[in-house]
Amino acid sequence: MTDTQPRDLLPLTEPVFHILLALVDDERHGYAIMQEVRTRTEGDVNLAPGTLYGAIKRLRGLGLIEESDTRVDPELDDERRRYYRITGLGERVATAEASRIASLARQAAAKRLLPEWGAV
């Protein structure tokens, strides 16, 4: 995947973008990803296990995330849990997607579809 450019992988699906966002600031296991997304979106997005783990498999295959060997506290952690972290490419793709979405929001605001933004 060394020749892959972030824009080549856009647009991202909503679940994939949320997973990358969940991993930007910390390594997490699957259930923790689901909890972080639910909390951050105030319950608007709930990732079902099939959606989550299917997306994780695809993200790993694309080199956007990788499995981590580290554990927060091995004494308190279940060894069956798999922890994931975002890769450099994953961060670049997440940044490109955030920029794409921000551009769309600016365009919508210019068309007065987002009155709380005012004229941009």
PDB file of N, CA and C in Angstrom:
ATOM      1  N   MET A   1       0.811  -1.193   0.000  1.00  0.00           N
ATOM      2  CA  MET A   1       0.000   0.000   0.000  1.00  0.00           C
ATOM      3  C   MET A   1       0.863   1.269   0.000  1.00  0.00           C
ATOM      4  N   THR A   2       2.136   1.152  -0.296  1.00  0.00           N
ATOM      5  CA  THR A   2       3.018   2.310  -0.231  1.00  0.00           C
ATOM      6  C   THR A   2       2.666   3.366  -1.267  1.00  0.00           C
ATOM      7  N   ASP A   3       2.036   2.975  -2.386  1.00  0.00           N
ATOM      8  CA  ASP A   3       1.680   3.935  -3.426  1.00  0.00           C
ATOM      9  C   ASP A   3       0.295   4.539  -3.214  1.00  0.00           C
ATOM     10  N   THR A   4      -0.417   4.101  -2.200  1.00  0.00           N
ATOM     11  CA  THR A   4      -1.761   4.580  -1.957  1.00  0.00           C
ATOM     12  C   THR A   4      -1.744   6.017  -1.453  1.00  0.00           C
ATOM     13  N   GLN A   5      -2.517   6.850  -2.109  1.00  0.00           N
ATOM     14  CA  GLN A   5      -2.697   8.238  -1.694  1.00  0.00           C
ATOM     15  C   GLN A   5      -4.003   8.317  -0.898  1.00  0.00           C
ATOM     16  N   PRO A   6      -4.053   9.125   0.152  1.00  0.00           N
ATOM     17  CA  PRO A   6      -5.281   9.216   0.950  1.00  0.00           C
ATOM     18  C   PRO A   6      -6.533   9.473   0.117  1.00  0.00           C
ATOM     19  N   ARG A   7      -6.444  10.369  -0.864  1.00  0.00           N
ATOM     20  CA  ARG A   7      -7.637  10.697  -1.667  1.00  0.00           C
ATOM     21  C   ARG A   7      -8.144   9.488  -2.464  1.00  0.00           C
ATOM     22  N   ASP A   8      -7.253   8.514  -2.722  1.00  0.00           N
ATOM     23  CA  ASP A   8      -7.673   7.315  -3.456  1.00  0.00           C
ATOM     24  C   ASP A   8      -8.663   6.479  -2.668  1.00  0.00           C
ATOM     25  N   LEU A   9      -8.713   6.672  -1.356  1.00  0.00           N
ATOM     26  CA  LEU A   9      -9.568   5.857  -0.489  1.00  0.00           C
ATOM     27  C   LEU A   9     -10.843   6.579  -0.062  1.00  0.00           C
ATOM     28  N   LEU A  10     -11.051   7.777  -0.593  1.00  0.00           N
ATOM     29  CA  LEU A  10     -12.230   8.564  -0.237  1.00  0.00           C
ATOM     30  C   LEU A  10     -13.332   8.387  -1.256  1.00  0.00           C
ATOM     31  N   PRO A  11     -14.570   8.580  -0.874  1.00  0.00           N
ATOM     32  CA  PRO A  11     -15.036   8.907   0.466  1.00  0.00           C
ATOM     33  C   PRO A  11     -15.074   7.661   1.347  1.00  0.00           C
ATOM     34  N   LEU A  12     -14.975   7.866   2.650  1.00  0.00           N
ATOM     35  CA  LEU A  12     -15.074   6.773   3.608  1.00  0.00           C
ATOM     36  C   LEU A  12     -16.535   6.576   3.983  1.00  0.00           C
ATOM     37  N   THR A  13     -16.879   5.363   4.350  1.00  0.00           N
ATOM     38  CA  THR A  13     -18.211   5.142   4.900  1.00  0.00           C
ATOM     39  C   THR A  13     -18.255   5.745   6.298  1.00  0.00           C
ATOM     40  N   GLU A  14     -19.440   6.027   6.773  1.00  0.00           N
ATOM     41  CA  GLU A  14     -19.586   6.614   8.107  1.00  0.00           C
ATOM     42  C   GLU A  14     -18.977   5.720   9.193  1.00  0.00           C
ATOM     43  N   PRO A  15     -19.257   4.402   9.206  1.00  0.00           N
ATOM     44  CA  PRO A  15     -18.631   3.565  10.241  1.00  0.00           C
ATOM     45  C   PRO A  15     -17.108   3.583  10.185  1.00  0.00           C
ATOM     46  N   VAL A  16     -16.534   3.537   8.999  1.00  0.00           N
ATOM     47  CA  VAL A  16     -15.081   3.541   8.860  1.00  0.00           C
ATOM     48  C   VAL A  16     -14.501   4.852   9.393  1.00  0.00           C
ATOM     49  N   PHE A  17     -15.107   5.967   9.058  1.00  0.00           N
ATOM     50  CA  PHE A  17     -14.608   7.255   9.541  1.00  0.00           C
ATOM     51  C   PHE A  17     -14.687   7.325  11.062  1.00  0.00           C
ATOM     52  N   HIS A  18     -15.784   6.846  11.635  1.00  0.00           N
ATOM     53  CA  HIS A  18     -15.924   6.851  13.090  1.00  0.00           C
ATOM     54  C   HIS A  18     -14.884   5.952  13.763  1.00  0.00           C
ATOM     55  N   ILE A  19     -14.573   4.833  13.165  1.00  0.00           N
ATOM     56  CA  ILE A  19     -13.549   3.946  13.729  1.00  0.00           C
ATOM     57  C   ILE A  19     -12.192   4.647  13.716  1.00  0.00           C
ATOM     58  N   LEU A  20     -11.848   5.266  12.596  1.00  0.00           N
ATOM     59  CA  LEU A  20     -10.573   5.986  12.527  1.00  0.00           C
ATOM     60  C   LEU A  20     -10.537   7.117  13.553  1.00  0.00           C
ATOM     61  N   LEU A  21     -11.634   7.857  13.685  1.00  0.00           N
ATOM     62  CA  LEU A  21     -11.687   8.926  14.687  1.00  0.00           C
ATOM     63  C   LEU A  21     -11.468   8.373  16.091  1.00  0.00           C
ATOM     64  N   ALA A  22     -12.043   7.223  16.372  1.00  0.00           N
ATOM     65  CA  ALA A  22     -11.905   6.613  17.696  1.00  0.00           C
ATOM     66  C   ALA A  22     -10.464   6.223  17.995  1.00  0.00           C
ATOM     67  N   LEU A  23      -9.696   5.938  16.951  1.00  0.00           N
ATOM     68  CA  LEU A  23      -8.321   5.478  17.150  1.00  0.00           C
ATOM     69  C   LEU A  23      -7.283   6.593  17.024  1.00  0.00           C
ATOM     70  N   VAL A  24      -7.686   7.787  16.645  1.00  0.00           N
ATOM     71  CA  VAL A  24      -6.731   8.875  16.452  1.00  0.00           C
ATOM     72  C   VAL A  24      -5.993   9.200  17.745  1.00  0.00           C
ATOM     73  N   ASP A  25      -6.692   9.194  18.869  1.00  0.00           N
ATOM     74  CA  ASP A  25      -6.060   9.626  20.113  1.00  0.00           C
ATOM     75  C   ASP A  25      -5.708   8.496  21.076  1.00  0.00           C
ATOM     76  N   ASP A  26      -6.021   7.251  20.725  1.00  0.00           N
ATOM     77  CA  ASP A  26      -5.710   6.163  21.647  1.00  0.00           C
ATOM     78  C   ASP A  26      -5.897   4.814  20.965  1.00  0.00           C
ATOM     79  N   GLU A  27      -5.142   3.831  21.434  1.00  0.00           N
ATOM     80  CA  GLU A  27      -5.365   2.453  21.002  1.00  0.00           C
ATOM     81  C   GLU A  27      -6.599   1.953  21.737  1.00  0.00           C
ATOM     82  N   ARG A  28      -7.415   1.160  21.041  1.00  0.00           N
ATOM     83  CA  ARG A  28      -8.640   0.650  21.660  1.00  0.00           C
ATOM     84  C   ARG A  28      -8.936  -0.756  21.160  1.00  0.00           C
ATOM     85  N   HIS A  29      -9.637  -1.511  21.974  1.00  0.00           N
ATOM     86  CA  HIS A  29     -10.159  -2.800  21.530  1.00  0.00           C
ATOM     87  C   HIS A  29     -11.545  -2.558  20.951  1.00  0.00           C
ATOM     88  N   GLY A  30     -12.098  -3.567  20.309  1.00  0.00           N
ATOM     89  CA  GLY A  30     -13.354  -3.407  19.583  1.00  0.00           C
ATOM     90  C   GLY A  30     -14.487  -2.812  20.393  1.00  0.00           C
ATOM     91  N   TYR A  31     -14.736  -3.366  21.578  1.00  0.00           N
ATOM     92  CA  TYR A  31     -15.839  -2.864  22.385  1.00  0.00           C
ATOM     93  C   TYR A  31     -15.604  -1.415  22.802  1.00  0.00           C
ATOM     94  N   ALA A  32     -14.361  -1.065  23.103  1.00  0.00           N
ATOM     95  CA  ALA A  32     -14.044   0.323  23.471  1.00  0.00           C
ATOM     96  C   ALA A  32     -14.262   1.260  22.287  1.00  0.00           C
ATOM     97  N   ILE A  33     -13.996   0.795  21.074  1.00  0.00           N
ATOM     98  CA  ILE A  33     -14.285   1.602  19.876  1.00  0.00           C
ATOM     99  C   ILE A  33     -15.786   1.860  19.800  1.00  0.00           C
ATOM    100  N   MET A  34     -16.584   0.807  19.977  1.00  0.00           N
ATOM    101  CA  MET A  34     -18.044   0.957  19.927  1.00  0.00           C
ATOM    102  C   MET A  34     -18.525   1.957  20.980  1.00  0.00           C
ATOM    103  N   GLN A  35     -17.987   1.873  22.196  1.00  0.00           N
ATOM    104  CA  GLN A  35     -18.387   2.784  23.272  1.00  0.00           C
ATOM    105  C   GLN A  35     -17.985   4.225  22.963  1.00  0.00           C
ATOM    106  N   GLU A  36     -16.762   4.415  22.468  1.00  0.00           N
ATOM    107  CA  GLU A  36     -16.281   5.771  22.169  1.00  0.00           C
ATOM    108  C   GLU A  36     -17.133   6.415  21.088  1.00  0.00           C
ATOM    109  N   VAL A  37     -17.484   5.654  20.052  1.00  0.00           N
ATOM    110  CA  VAL A  37     -18.321   6.198  18.972  1.00  0.00           C
ATOM    111  C   VAL A  37     -19.707   6.551  19.513  1.00  0.00           C
ATOM    112  N   ARG A  38     -20.281   5.669  20.292  1.00  0.00           N
ATOM    113  CA  ARG A  38     -21.616   5.920  20.856  1.00  0.00           C
ATOM    114  C   ARG A  38     -21.589   7.176  21.735  1.00  0.00           C
ATOM    115  N   THR A  39     -20.575   7.305  22.578  1.00  0.00           N
ATOM    116  CA  THR A  39     -20.470   8.462  23.469  1.00  0.00           C
ATOM    117  C   THR A  39     -20.244   9.744  22.684  1.00  0.00           C
ATOM    118  N   ARG A  40     -19.283   9.715  21.745  1.00  0.00           N
ATOM    119  CA  ARG A  40     -18.939  10.916  20.977  1.00  0.00           C
ATOM    120  C   ARG A  40     -20.116  11.416  20.148  1.00  0.00           C
ATOM    121  N   THR A  41     -20.939  10.485  19.648  1.00  0.00           N
ATOM    122  CA  THR A  41     -22.074  10.870  18.803  1.00  0.00           C
ATOM    123  C   THR A  41     -23.367  11.010  19.607  1.00  0.00           C
ATOM    124  N   GLU A  42     -23.243  10.958  20.930  1.00  0.00           N
ATOM    125  CA  GLU A  42     -24.398  11.056  21.825  1.00  0.00           C
ATOM    126  C   GLU A  42     -25.474  10.033  21.459  1.00  0.00           C
ATOM    127  N   GLY A  43     -25.034   8.835  21.098  1.00  0.00           N
ATOM    128  CA  GLY A  43     -25.955   7.745  20.800  1.00  0.00           C
ATOM    129  C   GLY A  43     -26.506   7.734  19.387  1.00  0.00           C
ATOM    130  N   ASP A  44     -26.138   8.699  18.568  1.00  0.00           N
ATOM    131  CA  ASP A  44     -26.648   8.740  17.194  1.00  0.00           C
ATOM    132  C   ASP A  44     -26.054   7.636  16.326  1.00  0.00           C
ATOM    133  N   VAL A  45     -24.846   7.186  16.642  1.00  0.00           N
ATOM    134  CA  VAL A  45     -24.202   6.122  15.866  1.00  0.00           C
ATOM    135  C   VAL A  45     -23.878   4.973  16.804  1.00  0.00           C
ATOM    136  N   ASN A  46     -24.456   3.827  16.518  1.00  0.00           N
ATOM    137  CA  ASN A  46     -24.175   2.606  17.263  1.00  0.00           C
ATOM    138  C   ASN A  46     -23.643   1.580  16.280  1.00  0.00           C
ATOM    139  N   LEU A  47     -22.382   1.217  16.438  1.00  0.00           N
ATOM    140  CA  LEU A  47     -21.779   0.237  15.541  1.00  0.00           C
ATOM    141  C   LEU A  47     -22.122  -1.169  16.013  1.00  0.00           C
ATOM    142  N   ALA A  48     -22.807  -1.913  15.179  1.00  0.00           N
ATOM    143  CA  ALA A  48     -23.096  -3.308  15.499  1.00  0.00           C
ATOM    144  C   ALA A  48     -21.798  -4.107  15.367  1.00  0.00           C
ATOM    145  N   PRO A  49     -21.667  -5.196  16.116  1.00  0.00           N
ATOM    146  CA  PRO A  49     -20.429  -5.982  16.048  1.00  0.00           C
ATOM    147  C   PRO A  49     -20.051  -6.404  14.628  1.00  0.00           C
ATOM    148  N   GLY A  50     -21.015  -6.823  13.829  1.00  0.00           N
ATOM    149  CA  GLY A  50     -20.709  -7.243  12.460  1.00  0.00           C
ATOM    150  C   GLY A  50     -20.156  -6.106  11.622  1.00  0.00           C
ATOM    151  N   THR A  51     -20.750  -4.938  11.779  1.00  0.00           N
ATOM    152  CA  THR A  51     -20.273  -3.749  11.065  1.00  0.00           C
ATOM    153  C   THR A  51     -18.872  -3.385  11.529  1.00  0.00           C
ATOM    154  N   LEU A  52     -18.691  -3.355  12.855  1.00  0.00           N
ATOM    155  CA  LEU A  52     -17.397  -2.973  13.427  1.00  0.00           C
ATOM    156  C   LEU A  52     -16.287  -3.909  12.975  1.00  0.00           C
ATOM    157  N   TYR A  53     -16.476  -5.212  13.175  1.00  0.00           N
ATOM    158  CA  TYR A  53     -15.381  -6.132  12.893  1.00  0.00           C
ATOM    159  C   TYR A  53     -15.160  -6.347  11.395  1.00  0.00           C
ATOM    160  N   GLY A  54     -16.212  -6.185  10.590  1.00  0.00           N
ATOM    161  CA  GLY A  54     -16.021  -6.207   9.141  1.00  0.00           C
ATOM    162  C   GLY A  54     -15.195  -5.020   8.687  1.00  0.00           C
ATOM    163  N   ALA A  55     -15.499  -3.850   9.256  1.00  0.00           N
ATOM    164  CA  ALA A  55     -14.743  -2.635   8.908  1.00  0.00           C
ATOM    165  C   ALA A  55     -13.304  -2.734   9.408  1.00  0.00           C
ATOM    166  N   ILE A  56     -13.109  -3.275  10.600  1.00  0.00           N
ATOM    167  CA  ILE A  56     -11.745  -3.445  11.127  1.00  0.00           C
ATOM    168  C   ILE A  56     -10.937  -4.340  10.197  1.00  0.00           C
ATOM    169  N   LYS A  57     -11.541  -5.408   9.729  1.00  0.00           N
ATOM    170  CA  LYS A  57     -10.837  -6.316   8.809  1.00  0.00           C
ATOM    171  C   LYS A  57     -10.421  -5.571   7.536  1.00  0.00           C
ATOM    172  N   ARG A  58     -11.335  -4.769   6.975  1.00  0.00           N
ATOM    173  CA  ARG A  58     -11.019  -4.000   5.762  1.00  0.00           C
ATOM    174  C   ARG A  58      -9.944  -2.958   6.037  1.00  0.00           C
ATOM    175  N   LEU A  59     -10.057  -2.256   7.159  1.00  0.00           N
ATOM    176  CA  LEU A  59      -9.080  -1.226   7.506  1.00  0.00           C
ATOM    177  C   LEU A  59      -7.691  -1.826   7.703  1.00  0.00           C
ATOM    178  N   ARG A  60      -7.623  -2.987   8.316  1.00  0.00           N
ATOM    179  CA  ARG A  60      -6.325  -3.657   8.478  1.00  0.00           C
ATOM    180  C   ARG A  60      -5.769  -4.048   7.109  1.00  0.00           C
ATOM    181  N   GLY A  61      -6.639  -4.562   6.240  1.00  0.00           N
ATOM    182  CA  GLY A  61      -6.207  -4.956   4.905  1.00  0.00           C
ATOM    183  C   GLY A  61      -5.678  -3.795   4.079  1.00  0.00           C
ATOM    184  N   LEU A  62      -6.230  -2.615   4.312  1.00  0.00           N
ATOM    185  CA  LEU A  62      -5.787  -1.413   3.596  1.00  0.00           C
ATOM    186  C   LEU A  62      -4.570  -0.757   4.253  1.00  0.00           C
ATOM    187  N   GLY A  63      -4.203  -1.237   5.422  1.00  0.00           N
ATOM    188  CA  GLY A  63      -3.064  -0.658   6.122  1.00  0.00           C
ATOM    189  C   GLY A  63      -3.390   0.630   6.863  1.00  0.00           C
ATOM    190  N   LEU A  64      -4.684   0.864   7.145  1.00  0.00           N
ATOM    191  CA  LEU A  64      -5.086   2.086   7.843  1.00  0.00           C
ATOM    192  C   LEU A  64      -5.043   1.919   9.355  1.00  0.00           C
ATOM    193  N   ILE A  65      -5.209   0.697   9.819  1.00  0.00           N
ATOM    194  CA  ILE A  65      -5.048   0.394  11.237  1.00  0.00           C
ATOM    195  C   ILE A  65      -4.247  -0.891  11.345  1.00  0.00           C
ATOM    196  N   GLU A  66      -3.712  -1.129  12.534  1.00  0.00           N
ATOM    197  CA  GLU A  66      -2.963  -2.359  12.779  1.00  0.00           C
ATOM    198  C   GLU A  66      -3.266  -2.839  14.185  1.00  0.00           C
ATOM    199  N   GLU A  67      -3.043  -4.118  14.394  1.00  0.00           N
ATOM    200  CA  GLU A  67      -3.232  -4.668  15.728  1.00  0.00           C
ATOM    201  C   GLU A  67      -2.039  -4.292  16.591  1.00  0.00           C
ATOM    202  N   SER A  68      -2.319  -3.977  17.834  1.00  0.00           N
ATOM    203  CA  SER A  68      -1.285  -3.577  18.781  1.00  0.00           C
ATOM    204  C   SER A  68      -1.054  -4.706  19.781  1.00  0.00           C
ATOM    205  N   ASP A  69       0.188  -4.859  20.216  1.00  0.00           N
ATOM    206  CA  ASP A  69       0.508  -5.864  21.227  1.00  0.00           C
ATOM    207  C   ASP A  69       0.446  -5.302  22.634  1.00  0.00           C
ATOM    208  N   THR A  70       0.351  -3.988  22.764  1.00  0.00           N
ATOM    209  CA  THR A  70       0.366  -3.391  24.092  1.00  0.00           C
ATOM    210  C   THR A  70      -0.984  -3.544  24.772  1.00  0.00           C
ATOM    211  N   ARG A  71      -0.942  -3.587  26.083  1.00  0.00           N
ATOM    212  CA  ARG A  71      -2.140  -3.659  26.914  1.00  0.00           C
ATOM    213  C   ARG A  71      -2.038  -2.567  27.963  1.00  0.00           C
ATOM    214  N   VAL A  72      -3.159  -1.907  28.227  1.00  0.00           N
ATOM    215  CA  VAL A  72      -3.176  -0.845  29.218  1.00  0.00           C
ATOM    216  C   VAL A  72      -2.710  -1.391  30.564  1.00  0.00           C
ATOM    217  N   ASP A  73      -3.324  -2.454  31.011  1.00  0.00           N
ATOM    218  CA  ASP A  73      -2.940  -3.106  32.260  1.00  0.00           C
ATOM    219  C   ASP A  73      -3.182  -4.599  32.081  1.00  0.00           C
ATOM    220  N   PRO A  74      -2.135  -5.361  31.781  1.00  0.00           N
ATOM    221  CA  PRO A  74      -2.304  -6.791  31.509  1.00  0.00           C
ATOM    222  C   PRO A  74      -3.006  -7.545  32.639  1.00  0.00           C
ATOM    223  N   GLU A  75      -2.870  -7.067  33.870  1.00  0.00           N
ATOM    224  CA  GLU A  75      -3.512  -7.722  35.014  1.00  0.00           C
ATOM    225  C   GLU A  75      -5.036  -7.581  34.961  1.00  0.00           C
ATOM    226  N   LEU A  76      -5.504  -6.469  34.432  1.00  0.00           N
ATOM    227  CA  LEU A  76      -6.940  -6.192  34.410  1.00  0.00           C
ATOM    228  C   LEU A  76      -7.589  -6.491  33.063  1.00  0.00           C
ATOM    229  N   ASP A  77      -6.788  -6.821  32.080  1.00  0.00           N
ATOM    230  CA  ASP A  77      -7.286  -6.949  30.722  1.00  0.00           C
ATOM    231  C   ASP A  77      -7.486  -8.411  30.339  1.00  0.00           C
ATOM    232  N   ASP A  78      -8.467  -8.652  29.514  1.00  0.00           N
ATOM    233  CA  ASP A  78      -8.733  -9.978  28.968  1.00  0.00           C
ATOM    234  C   ASP A  78      -7.778 -10.202  27.797  1.00  0.00           C
ATOM    235  N   GLU A  79      -6.970 -11.241  27.870  1.00  0.00           N
ATOM    236  CA  GLU A  79      -5.956 -11.466  26.826  1.00  0.00           C
ATOM    237  C   GLU A  79      -6.558 -11.763  25.463  1.00  0.00           C
ATOM    238  N   ARG A  80      -7.840 -12.094  25.411  1.00  0.00           N
ATOM    239  CA  ARG A  80      -8.486 -12.356  24.119  1.00  0.00           C
ATOM    240  C   ARG A  80      -8.788 -11.073  23.353  1.00  0.00           C
ATOM    241  N   ARG A  81      -8.799  -9.955  24.049  1.00  0.00           N
ATOM    242  CA  ARG A  81      -9.077  -8.685  23.383  1.00  0.00           C
ATOM    243  C   ARG A  81      -7.967  -8.329  22.421  1.00  0.00           C
ATOM    244  N   ARG A  82      -8.375  -7.816  21.268  1.00  0.00           N
ATOM    245  CA  ARG A  82      -7.425  -7.334  20.278  1.00  0.00           C
ATOM    246  C   ARG A  82      -7.495  -5.811  20.297  1.00  0.00           C
ATOM    247  N   TYR A  83      -6.343  -5.195  20.463  1.00  0.00           N
ATOM    248  CA  TYR A  83      -6.254  -3.737  20.457  1.00  0.00           C
ATOM    249  C   TYR A  83      -5.791  -3.280  19.086  1.00  0.00           C
ATOM    250  N   TYR A  84      -6.320  -2.134  18.663  1.00  0.00           N
ATOM    251  CA  TYR A  84      -6.002  -1.586  17.348  1.00  0.00           C
ATOM    252  C   TYR A  84      -5.485  -0.169  17.500  1.00  0.00           C
ATOM    253  N   ARG A  85      -4.621   0.218  16.577  1.00  0.00           N
ATOM    254  CA  ARG A  85      -4.120   1.586  16.518  1.00  0.00           C
ATOM    255  C   ARG A  85      -4.122   2.033  15.064  1.00  0.00           C
ATOM    256  N   ILE A  86      -4.250   3.332  14.898  1.00  0.00           N
ATOM    257  CA  ILE A  86      -4.251   3.907  13.556  1.00  0.00           C
ATOM    258  C   ILE A  86      -2.809   3.988  13.058  1.00  0.00           C
ATOM    259  N   THR A  87      -2.619   3.806  11.778  1.00  0.00           N
ATOM    260  CA  THR A  87      -1.290   3.922  11.163  1.00  0.00           C
ATOM    261  C   THR A  87      -1.108   5.339  10.625  1.00  0.00           C
ATOM    262  N   GLY A  88       0.088   5.635  10.166  1.00  0.00           N
ATOM    263  CA  GLY A  88       0.346   6.941   9.546  1.00  0.00           C
ATOM    264  C   GLY A  88      -0.559   7.165   8.349  1.00  0.00           C
ATOM    265  N   LEU A  89      -0.700   6.142   7.512  1.00  0.00           N
ATOM    266  CA  LEU A  89      -1.604   6.253   6.359  1.00  0.00           C
ATOM    267  C   LEU A  89      -3.031   6.456   6.831  1.00  0.00           C
ATOM    268  N   GLY A  90      -3.426   5.750   7.876  1.00  0.00           N
ATOM    269  CA  GLY A  90      -4.777   5.906   8.418  1.00  0.00           C
ATOM    270  C   GLY A  90      -5.044   7.324   8.884  1.00  0.00           C
ATOM    271  N   GLU A  91      -4.053   7.936   9.534  1.00  0.00           N
ATOM    272  CA  GLU A  91      -4.207   9.336   9.968  1.00  0.00           C
ATOM    273  C   GLU A  91      -4.330  10.270   8.775  1.00  0.00           C
ATOM    274  N   ARG A  92      -3.533  10.027   7.746  1.00  0.00           N
ATOM    275  CA  ARG A  92      -3.611  10.884   6.555  1.00  0.00           C
ATOM    276  C   ARG A  92      -4.966  10.726   5.861  1.00  0.00           C
ATOM    277  N   VAL A  93      -5.489   9.515   5.819  1.00  0.00           N
ATOM    278  CA  VAL A  93      -6.796   9.286   5.205  1.00  0.00           C
ATOM    279  C   VAL A  93      -7.896   9.944   6.042  1.00  0.00           C
ATOM    280  N   ALA A  94      -7.829   9.806   7.362  1.00  0.00           N
ATOM    281  CA  ALA A  94      -8.827  10.437   8.231  1.00  0.00           C
ATOM    282  C   ALA A  94      -8.790  11.957   8.080  1.00  0.00           C
ATOM    283  N   THR A  95      -7.594  12.523   7.988  1.00  0.00           N
ATOM    284  CA  THR A  95      -7.448  13.969   7.792  1.00  0.00           C
ATOM    285  C   THR A  95      -8.044  14.401   6.451  1.00  0.00           C
ATOM    286  N   ALA A  96      -7.769  13.628   5.412  1.00  0.00           N
ATOM    287  CA  ALA A  96      -8.312  13.950   4.083  1.00  0.00           C
ATOM    288  C   ALA A  96      -9.832  13.873   4.084  1.00  0.00           C
ATOM    289  N   GLU A  97     -10.388  12.878   4.781  1.00  0.00           N
ATOM    290  CA  GLU A  97     -11.849  12.749   4.853  1.00  0.00           C
ATOM    291  C   GLU A  97     -12.447  13.906   5.648  1.00  0.00           C
ATOM    292  N   ALA A  98     -11.814  14.284   6.748  1.00  0.00           N
ATOM    293  CA  ALA A  98     -12.309  15.416   7.538  1.00  0.00           C
ATOM    294  C   ALA A  98     -12.298  16.694   6.702  1.00  0.00           C
ATOM    295  N   SER A  99     -11.261  16.892   5.917  1.00  0.00           N
ATOM    296  CA  SER A  99     -11.181  18.071   5.036  1.00  0.00           C
ATOM    297  C   SER A  99     -12.265  18.032   3.972  1.00  0.00           C
ATOM    298  N   ARG A 100     -12.520  16.850   3.430  1.00  0.00           N
ATOM    299  CA  ARG A 100     -13.566  16.695   2.414  1.00  0.00           C
ATOM    300  C   ARG A 100     -14.928  17.050   3.003  1.00  0.00           C
ATOM    301  N   ILE A 101     -15.194  16.549   4.211  1.00  0.00           N
ATOM    302  CA  ILE A 101     -16.473  16.816   4.867  1.00  0.00           C
ATOM    303  C   ILE A 101     -16.595  18.297   5.213  1.00  0.00           C
ATOM    304  N   ALA A 102     -15.509  18.908   5.697  1.00  0.00           N
ATOM    305  CA  ALA A 102     -15.531  20.336   6.026  1.00  0.00           C
ATOM    306  C   ALA A 102     -15.823  21.169   4.777  1.00  0.00           C
ATOM    307  N   SER A 103     -15.244  20.778   3.648  1.00  0.00           N
ATOM    308  CA  SER A 103     -15.494  21.491   2.397  1.00  0.00           C
ATOM    309  C   SER A 103     -16.970  21.388   2.006  1.00  0.00           C
ATOM    310  N   LEU A 104     -17.535  20.211   2.157  1.00  0.00           N
ATOM    311  CA  LEU A 104     -18.964  20.041   1.860  1.00  0.00           C
ATOM    312  C   LEU A 104     -19.822  20.888   2.793  1.00  0.00           C
ATOM    313  N   ALA A 105     -19.447  20.941   4.072  1.00  0.00           N
ATOM    314  CA  ALA A 105     -20.202  21.753   5.028  1.00  0.00           C
ATOM    315  C   ALA A 105     -20.123  23.232   4.663  1.00  0.00           C
ATOM    316  N   ARG A 106     -18.944  23.705   4.244  1.00  0.00           N
ATOM    317  CA  ARG A 106     -18.809  25.110   3.821  1.00  0.00           C
ATOM    318  C   ARG A 106     -19.694  25.391   2.614  1.00  0.00           C
ATOM    319  N   GLN A 107     -19.739  24.440   1.674  1.00  0.00           N
ATOM    320  CA  GLN A 107     -20.583  24.626   0.494  1.00  0.00           C
ATOM    321  C   GLN A 107     -22.059  24.666   0.872  1.00  0.00           C
ATOM    322  N   ALA A 108     -22.455  23.794   1.797  1.00  0.00           N
ATOM    323  CA  ALA A 108     -23.849  23.777   2.261  1.00  0.00           C
ATOM    324  C   ALA A 108     -24.181  25.081   2.986  1.00  0.00           C
ATOM    325  N   ALA A 109     -23.237  25.580   3.775  1.00  0.00           N
ATOM    326  CA  ALA A 109     -23.463  26.843   4.483  1.00  0.00           C
ATOM    327  C   ALA A 109     -23.603  27.996   3.494  1.00  0.00           C
ATOM    328  N   ALA A 110     -22.794  27.986   2.449  1.00  0.00           N
ATOM    329  CA  ALA A 110     -22.881  29.036   1.433  1.00  0.00           C
ATOM    330  C   ALA A 110     -24.237  29.025   0.739  1.00  0.00           C
ATOM    331  N   LYS A 111     -24.857  27.859   0.680  1.00  0.00           N
ATOM    332  CA  LYS A 111     -26.192  27.732   0.087  1.00  0.00           C
ATOM    333  C   LYS A 111     -27.291  27.920   1.137  1.00  0.00           C
ATOM    334  N   ARG A 112     -26.888  28.353   2.318  1.00  0.00           N
ATOM    335  CA  ARG A 112     -27.795  28.622   3.433  1.00  0.00           C
ATOM    336  C   ARG A 112     -28.532  27.372   3.935  1.00  0.00           C
ATOM    337  N   LEU A 113     -27.890  26.236   3.801  1.00  0.00           N
ATOM    338  CA  LEU A 113     -28.464  25.002   4.341  1.00  0.00           C
ATOM    339  C   LEU A 113     -28.050  24.776   5.794  1.00  0.00           C
ATOM    340  N   LEU A 114     -27.060  25.526   6.239  1.00  0.00           N
ATOM    341  CA  LEU A 114     -26.601  25.451   7.629  1.00  0.00           C
ATOM    342  C   LEU A 114     -26.671  26.854   8.229  1.00  0.00           C
ATOM    343  N   PRO A 115     -27.877  27.291   8.589  1.00  0.00           N
ATOM    344  CA  PRO A 115     -28.030  28.679   9.045  1.00  0.00           C
ATOM    345  C   PRO A 115     -27.171  28.997  10.272  1.00  0.00           C
ATOM    346  N   GLU A 116     -26.884  28.030  11.119  1.00  0.00           N
ATOM    347  CA  GLU A 116     -26.076  28.309  12.313  1.00  0.00           C
ATOM    348  C   GLU A 116     -24.640  28.662  11.959  1.00  0.00           C
ATOM    349  N   TRP A 117     -24.204  28.364  10.738  1.00  0.00           N
ATOM    350  CA  TRP A 117     -22.850  28.718  10.292  1.00  0.00           C
ATOM    351  C   TRP A 117     -22.801  30.129   9.728  1.00  0.00           C
ATOM    352  N   GLY A 118     -23.943  30.682   9.365  1.00  0.00           N
ATOM    353  CA  GLY A 118     -23.947  31.996   8.721  1.00  0.00           C
ATOM    354  C   GLY A 118     -23.391  31.900   7.317  1.00  0.00           C
ATOM    355  N   ALA A 119     -23.257  32.996   6.652  1.00  0.00           N
ATOM    356  CA  ALA A 119     -22.697  33.010   5.309  1.00  0.00           C
ATOM    357  C   ALA A 119     -21.188  32.804   5.410  1.00  0.00           C
ATOM    358  N   VAL A 120     -20.693  31.847   4.680  1.00  0.00           N
ATOM    359  CA  VAL A 120     -19.256  31.526   4.699  1.00  0.00           C
ATOM    360  C   VAL A 120     -18.589  32.115   3.489  1.00  0.00           C
TER     361      VAL A 120
END
